[in-house]
N, C-alpha and C. Protein backbone atom coordinates (compact mmCIF):
# COMPACT_ATOMS: atom_id res chain seq x y z
N MET A 1 11.97 -7.91 1.11
CA MET A 1 11.24 -7.34 0.00
C MET A 1 11.19 -5.82 0.14
N PHE A 2 11.48 -5.15 -0.91
CA PHE A 2 11.35 -3.70 -0.96
C PHE A 2 9.99 -3.39 -1.56
N ALA A 3 9.38 -2.32 -1.11
CA ALA A 3 8.04 -2.00 -1.59
C ALA A 3 7.83 -0.49 -1.67
N THR A 4 7.01 -0.11 -2.61
CA THR A 4 6.45 1.23 -2.68
C THR A 4 4.99 1.07 -2.29
N TYR A 5 4.47 2.00 -1.51
CA TYR A 5 3.11 1.83 -1.00
C TYR A 5 2.37 3.16 -0.93
N ILE A 6 1.05 3.05 -0.88
CA ILE A 6 0.21 4.23 -0.69
C ILE A 6 -0.72 3.95 0.49
N LEU A 7 -0.76 4.90 1.40
CA LEU A 7 -1.70 4.88 2.53
C LEU A 7 -2.74 5.96 2.29
N ALA A 8 -3.91 5.76 2.87
CA ALA A 8 -4.98 6.76 2.78
C ALA A 8 -5.68 6.87 4.13
N SER A 9 -6.28 8.02 4.36
CA SER A 9 -7.04 8.22 5.59
C SER A 9 -8.42 7.56 5.47
N GLN A 10 -8.94 7.52 4.25
CA GLN A 10 -10.24 6.92 3.93
C GLN A 10 -10.37 6.95 2.41
N ARG A 11 -11.44 6.42 1.89
CA ARG A 11 -11.65 6.45 0.44
C ARG A 11 -11.63 7.91 -0.04
N ASN A 12 -10.82 8.17 -1.05
CA ASN A 12 -10.66 9.52 -1.62
C ASN A 12 -10.19 10.54 -0.59
N GLY A 13 -9.59 10.08 0.49
CA GLY A 13 -9.11 10.99 1.53
C GLY A 13 -7.67 11.40 1.30
N THR A 14 -7.01 11.77 2.37
CA THR A 14 -5.61 12.17 2.32
C THR A 14 -4.76 10.96 1.93
N ILE A 15 -3.78 11.19 1.05
CA ILE A 15 -2.94 10.12 0.52
C ILE A 15 -1.48 10.37 0.90
N TYR A 16 -0.78 9.27 1.22
CA TYR A 16 0.65 9.31 1.51
C TYR A 16 1.34 8.23 0.70
N VAL A 17 2.46 8.57 0.06
CA VAL A 17 3.24 7.62 -0.71
C VAL A 17 4.58 7.41 -0.01
N GLY A 18 4.99 6.15 0.14
CA GLY A 18 6.26 5.84 0.78
C GLY A 18 6.91 4.62 0.17
N SER A 19 8.12 4.33 0.65
CA SER A 19 8.82 3.10 0.26
C SER A 19 9.52 2.55 1.49
N THR A 20 9.76 1.24 1.48
CA THR A 20 10.32 0.58 2.65
C THR A 20 10.96 -0.74 2.27
N ASP A 21 11.75 -1.27 3.20
CA ASP A 21 12.31 -2.61 3.00
C ASP A 21 11.53 -3.65 3.80
N ASP A 22 10.51 -3.21 4.55
CA ASP A 22 9.68 -4.13 5.34
C ASP A 22 8.27 -3.54 5.42
N LEU A 23 7.44 -3.90 4.46
CA LEU A 23 6.11 -3.30 4.33
C LEU A 23 5.25 -3.51 5.57
N MET A 24 5.20 -4.72 6.08
CA MET A 24 4.35 -5.02 7.23
C MET A 24 4.75 -4.16 8.44
N ARG A 25 6.04 -4.13 8.72
CA ARG A 25 6.53 -3.34 9.87
C ARG A 25 6.23 -1.86 9.67
N ARG A 26 6.49 -1.34 8.46
CA ARG A 26 6.34 0.10 8.22
C ARG A 26 4.88 0.52 8.31
N VAL A 27 3.98 -0.27 7.76
CA VAL A 27 2.55 0.07 7.86
C VAL A 27 2.11 0.00 9.31
N TRP A 28 2.60 -1.00 10.04
CA TRP A 28 2.27 -1.10 11.47
C TRP A 28 2.74 0.16 12.20
N GLU A 29 3.93 0.65 11.87
CA GLU A 29 4.44 1.89 12.49
C GLU A 29 3.51 3.07 12.19
N HIS A 30 3.04 3.16 10.96
CA HIS A 30 2.09 4.23 10.61
C HIS A 30 0.81 4.09 11.43
N ARG A 31 0.30 2.87 11.50
CA ARG A 31 -0.96 2.63 12.20
C ARG A 31 -0.85 2.93 13.70
N GLU A 32 0.29 2.60 14.26
CA GLU A 32 0.52 2.82 15.70
C GLU A 32 1.08 4.20 16.02
N LYS A 33 1.25 5.01 14.97
CA LYS A 33 1.75 6.39 15.12
C LYS A 33 3.09 6.41 15.86
N MET A 34 3.99 5.55 15.42
CA MET A 34 5.30 5.40 16.05
C MET A 34 6.22 6.59 15.77
N ARG A 35 5.99 7.27 14.67
CA ARG A 35 6.82 8.43 14.29
C ARG A 35 5.91 9.62 14.06
N GLN A 36 6.31 10.75 14.56
CA GLN A 36 5.55 11.97 14.34
C GLN A 36 5.76 12.44 12.90
N GLY A 37 4.73 12.97 12.29
CA GLY A 37 4.86 13.46 10.93
C GLY A 37 3.51 13.52 10.24
N PHE A 38 3.57 13.53 8.92
CA PHE A 38 2.39 13.71 8.08
C PHE A 38 1.31 12.68 8.38
N THR A 39 1.67 11.39 8.39
CA THR A 39 0.64 10.36 8.57
C THR A 39 0.01 10.40 9.95
N THR A 40 0.77 10.78 10.94
CA THR A 40 0.22 10.92 12.29
C THR A 40 -0.72 12.13 12.35
N ARG A 41 -0.26 13.24 11.80
CA ARG A 41 -1.03 14.48 11.84
C ARG A 41 -2.37 14.34 11.12
N TYR A 42 -2.39 13.64 9.99
CA TYR A 42 -3.61 13.52 9.18
C TYR A 42 -4.29 12.16 9.30
N ASP A 43 -3.87 11.35 10.25
CA ASP A 43 -4.45 10.03 10.53
C ASP A 43 -4.54 9.18 9.25
N VAL A 44 -3.42 9.06 8.59
CA VAL A 44 -3.31 8.30 7.35
C VAL A 44 -2.68 6.95 7.69
N SER A 45 -3.47 5.87 7.65
CA SER A 45 -2.92 4.59 8.10
C SER A 45 -3.46 3.38 7.35
N GLN A 46 -4.32 3.56 6.37
CA GLN A 46 -4.88 2.43 5.63
C GLN A 46 -4.02 2.14 4.40
N LEU A 47 -3.50 0.92 4.31
CA LEU A 47 -2.71 0.50 3.16
C LEU A 47 -3.68 0.21 2.01
N VAL A 48 -3.65 1.05 0.97
CA VAL A 48 -4.61 0.89 -0.13
C VAL A 48 -3.95 0.44 -1.43
N TRP A 49 -2.60 0.49 -1.50
CA TRP A 49 -1.89 0.05 -2.71
C TRP A 49 -0.44 -0.21 -2.35
N PHE A 50 0.15 -1.20 -3.00
CA PHE A 50 1.59 -1.43 -2.88
C PHE A 50 2.08 -2.26 -4.04
N GLU A 51 3.39 -2.19 -4.27
CA GLU A 51 4.03 -3.06 -5.25
C GLU A 51 5.42 -3.37 -4.74
N SER A 52 5.92 -4.54 -5.12
CA SER A 52 7.24 -4.96 -4.66
C SER A 52 8.30 -4.59 -5.69
N HIS A 53 9.53 -4.49 -5.19
CA HIS A 53 10.69 -4.16 -6.02
C HIS A 53 11.86 -5.02 -5.58
N GLU A 54 12.74 -5.29 -6.51
CA GLU A 54 13.90 -6.11 -6.19
C GLU A 54 14.95 -5.34 -5.42
N THR A 55 14.99 -4.02 -5.57
CA THR A 55 16.02 -3.22 -4.91
C THR A 55 15.41 -2.05 -4.16
N ARG A 56 16.15 -1.57 -3.17
CA ARG A 56 15.75 -0.38 -2.41
C ARG A 56 15.67 0.82 -3.35
N GLU A 57 16.64 0.93 -4.26
CA GLU A 57 16.67 2.04 -5.20
C GLU A 57 15.45 2.03 -6.12
N GLY A 58 15.04 0.85 -6.56
CA GLY A 58 13.85 0.74 -7.41
C GLY A 58 12.60 1.21 -6.69
N ALA A 59 12.45 0.80 -5.44
CA ALA A 59 11.29 1.22 -4.64
C ALA A 59 11.32 2.73 -4.40
N PHE A 60 12.50 3.26 -4.10
CA PHE A 60 12.63 4.68 -3.82
C PHE A 60 12.34 5.52 -5.08
N GLN A 61 12.86 5.08 -6.21
CA GLN A 61 12.61 5.81 -7.47
C GLN A 61 11.13 5.82 -7.81
N ARG A 62 10.47 4.68 -7.62
CA ARG A 62 9.02 4.60 -7.89
C ARG A 62 8.26 5.53 -6.95
N GLU A 63 8.65 5.57 -5.67
CA GLU A 63 8.02 6.48 -4.71
C GLU A 63 8.14 7.92 -5.19
N ARG A 64 9.34 8.33 -5.55
CA ARG A 64 9.56 9.70 -6.01
C ARG A 64 8.76 10.02 -7.25
N ARG A 65 8.68 9.07 -8.17
CA ARG A 65 7.92 9.28 -9.41
C ARG A 65 6.43 9.47 -9.09
N ILE A 66 5.89 8.60 -8.25
CA ILE A 66 4.46 8.68 -7.91
C ILE A 66 4.16 9.98 -7.15
N LYS A 67 5.07 10.41 -6.30
CA LYS A 67 4.85 11.65 -5.55
C LYS A 67 4.71 12.86 -6.48
N GLU A 68 5.29 12.78 -7.66
CA GLU A 68 5.19 13.88 -8.62
C GLU A 68 3.88 13.86 -9.41
N TRP A 69 3.16 12.76 -9.35
CA TRP A 69 1.92 12.61 -10.11
C TRP A 69 0.82 13.52 -9.58
N ARG A 70 -0.14 13.76 -10.45
CA ARG A 70 -1.38 14.41 -10.04
C ARG A 70 -2.16 13.47 -9.12
N ARG A 71 -2.95 14.04 -8.26
CA ARG A 71 -3.76 13.25 -7.33
C ARG A 71 -4.67 12.27 -8.09
N SER A 72 -5.25 12.71 -9.18
CA SER A 72 -6.17 11.85 -9.94
C SER A 72 -5.45 10.61 -10.47
N TRP A 73 -4.18 10.73 -10.82
CA TRP A 73 -3.42 9.57 -11.30
C TRP A 73 -3.18 8.59 -10.16
N LYS A 74 -2.91 9.11 -8.97
CA LYS A 74 -2.71 8.24 -7.81
C LYS A 74 -4.00 7.48 -7.49
N ILE A 75 -5.11 8.16 -7.59
CA ILE A 75 -6.40 7.51 -7.34
C ILE A 75 -6.65 6.41 -8.37
N MET A 76 -6.33 6.68 -9.63
CA MET A 76 -6.50 5.65 -10.66
C MET A 76 -5.59 4.44 -10.38
N LEU A 77 -4.39 4.69 -9.92
CA LEU A 77 -3.47 3.61 -9.58
C LEU A 77 -4.04 2.75 -8.45
N ILE A 78 -4.54 3.39 -7.42
CA ILE A 78 -5.15 2.67 -6.30
C ILE A 78 -6.33 1.85 -6.78
N GLU A 79 -7.23 2.47 -7.51
CA GLU A 79 -8.47 1.81 -7.90
C GLU A 79 -8.28 0.71 -8.94
N ALA A 80 -7.16 0.73 -9.67
CA ALA A 80 -6.87 -0.37 -10.60
C ALA A 80 -6.61 -1.67 -9.84
N GLN A 81 -6.00 -1.58 -8.67
CA GLN A 81 -5.70 -2.77 -7.86
C GLN A 81 -6.73 -2.97 -6.76
N ASN A 82 -7.30 -1.89 -6.26
CA ASN A 82 -8.13 -1.95 -5.06
C ASN A 82 -9.32 -1.00 -5.21
N PRO A 83 -10.29 -1.34 -6.07
CA PRO A 83 -11.39 -0.41 -6.38
C PRO A 83 -12.23 0.00 -5.17
N ASP A 84 -12.27 -0.83 -4.14
CA ASP A 84 -13.08 -0.51 -2.96
C ASP A 84 -12.28 0.16 -1.85
N TRP A 85 -11.00 0.42 -2.10
CA TRP A 85 -10.13 1.07 -1.12
C TRP A 85 -10.07 0.29 0.19
N ARG A 86 -10.06 -1.03 0.09
CA ARG A 86 -9.95 -1.87 1.29
C ARG A 86 -8.59 -1.67 1.93
N ASP A 87 -8.52 -1.86 3.23
CA ASP A 87 -7.25 -1.79 3.94
C ASP A 87 -6.54 -3.12 3.71
N LEU A 88 -5.57 -3.13 2.82
CA LEU A 88 -4.87 -4.35 2.43
C LEU A 88 -4.01 -4.91 3.55
N TYR A 89 -3.64 -4.07 4.49
CA TYR A 89 -2.85 -4.54 5.64
C TYR A 89 -3.62 -5.60 6.40
N GLU A 90 -4.90 -5.37 6.62
CA GLU A 90 -5.72 -6.34 7.33
C GLU A 90 -5.78 -7.67 6.57
N ASP A 91 -5.87 -7.60 5.25
CA ASP A 91 -5.90 -8.82 4.44
C ASP A 91 -4.56 -9.55 4.52
N LEU A 92 -3.46 -8.81 4.48
CA LEU A 92 -2.14 -9.43 4.57
C LEU A 92 -1.94 -10.11 5.91
N VAL A 93 -2.25 -9.40 6.98
CA VAL A 93 -2.07 -9.94 8.33
C VAL A 93 -3.06 -11.06 8.60
N GLY A 94 -4.32 -10.82 8.30
CA GLY A 94 -5.37 -11.81 8.57
C GLY A 94 -5.29 -13.03 7.68
N GLY A 95 -4.80 -12.85 6.46
CA GLY A 95 -4.72 -13.96 5.52
C GLY A 95 -3.47 -14.79 5.67
N GLY A 96 -2.56 -14.33 6.52
CA GLY A 96 -1.33 -15.07 6.73
C GLY A 96 -0.38 -15.04 5.55
N LEU A 97 -0.57 -14.10 4.62
CA LEU A 97 0.31 -13.99 3.47
C LEU A 97 1.30 -12.85 3.67
N THR A 98 2.50 -13.03 3.18
CA THR A 98 3.44 -11.92 3.13
C THR A 98 3.03 -11.03 1.96
N ALA A 99 3.56 -9.84 1.91
CA ALA A 99 3.24 -8.94 0.81
C ALA A 99 3.65 -9.56 -0.52
N SER A 100 4.80 -10.22 -0.56
CA SER A 100 5.27 -10.87 -1.80
C SER A 100 4.31 -11.98 -2.22
N GLU A 101 3.88 -12.79 -1.27
CA GLU A 101 2.94 -13.89 -1.58
C GLU A 101 1.61 -13.33 -2.06
N TRP A 102 1.14 -12.24 -1.45
CA TRP A 102 -0.12 -11.62 -1.83
C TRP A 102 -0.05 -11.13 -3.26
N LEU A 103 1.06 -10.46 -3.61
CA LEU A 103 1.22 -9.96 -4.97
C LEU A 103 1.31 -11.10 -5.98
N ALA A 104 2.04 -12.15 -5.64
CA ALA A 104 2.15 -13.30 -6.54
C ALA A 104 0.79 -13.94 -6.76
N ALA A 105 0.02 -14.09 -5.69
CA ALA A 105 -1.32 -14.68 -5.80
C ALA A 105 -2.24 -13.79 -6.62
N LEU A 106 -2.10 -12.49 -6.47
CA LEU A 106 -2.89 -11.55 -7.26
C LEU A 106 -2.55 -11.71 -8.74
N ASP A 107 -1.26 -11.81 -9.04
CA ASP A 107 -0.81 -11.96 -10.42
C ASP A 107 -1.25 -13.26 -11.06
N ASP A 108 -1.20 -14.36 -10.30
CA ASP A 108 -1.53 -15.66 -10.91
C ASP A 108 -3.02 -15.99 -10.86
N GLY A 109 -3.82 -15.11 -10.27
CA GLY A 109 -5.27 -15.30 -10.26
C GLY A 109 -5.81 -16.13 -9.12
N SER A 110 -4.95 -16.62 -8.23
CA SER A 110 -5.43 -17.49 -7.16
C SER A 110 -6.21 -16.74 -6.09
N LEU A 111 -6.19 -15.42 -6.13
CA LEU A 111 -7.00 -14.64 -5.18
C LEU A 111 -8.35 -14.25 -5.77
N ASP A 112 -8.61 -14.62 -7.00
CA ASP A 112 -9.83 -14.17 -7.67
C ASP A 112 -11.08 -14.42 -6.83
N GLY A 113 -11.19 -15.57 -6.22
CA GLY A 113 -12.35 -15.88 -5.38
C GLY A 113 -12.42 -14.98 -4.16
N ARG A 114 -11.26 -14.62 -3.61
CA ARG A 114 -11.22 -13.77 -2.42
C ARG A 114 -11.43 -12.29 -2.77
N LEU A 115 -11.05 -11.90 -3.99
CA LEU A 115 -11.15 -10.48 -4.34
C LEU A 115 -12.58 -9.99 -4.37
N GLY A 116 -13.52 -10.88 -4.60
CA GLY A 116 -14.92 -10.47 -4.53
C GLY A 116 -15.29 -10.04 -3.12
N ASP A 117 -14.61 -10.57 -2.12
CA ASP A 117 -14.86 -10.23 -0.73
C ASP A 117 -14.09 -8.99 -0.30
N LEU A 118 -13.09 -8.60 -1.08
CA LEU A 118 -12.25 -7.46 -0.69
C LEU A 118 -12.97 -6.15 -0.83
């Protein structure tokens, strides 16, 4: 699965936009500070938004588009899916769902009962 994602340092904190072919691995790398760079320097490691794409190019184009947005638009995008700025990585890992399964469940409403806890 290809994905575009947004990490944050905290609610309304520093934001990072990226894309990857393995969301779980890439977020883990950010969290463990496996690569030096922006997210390590500013302690940006909470997965607050993501979407899946069928192709690497689709994910990359979406990343580039979002990076051009105003900060307020990025915040609106995050809050439309995740109003409490929960760390979705913990939900994905702890819930035993892949990112694709999580998105499908979100779309079909089967997470509605759990979203109150998010």
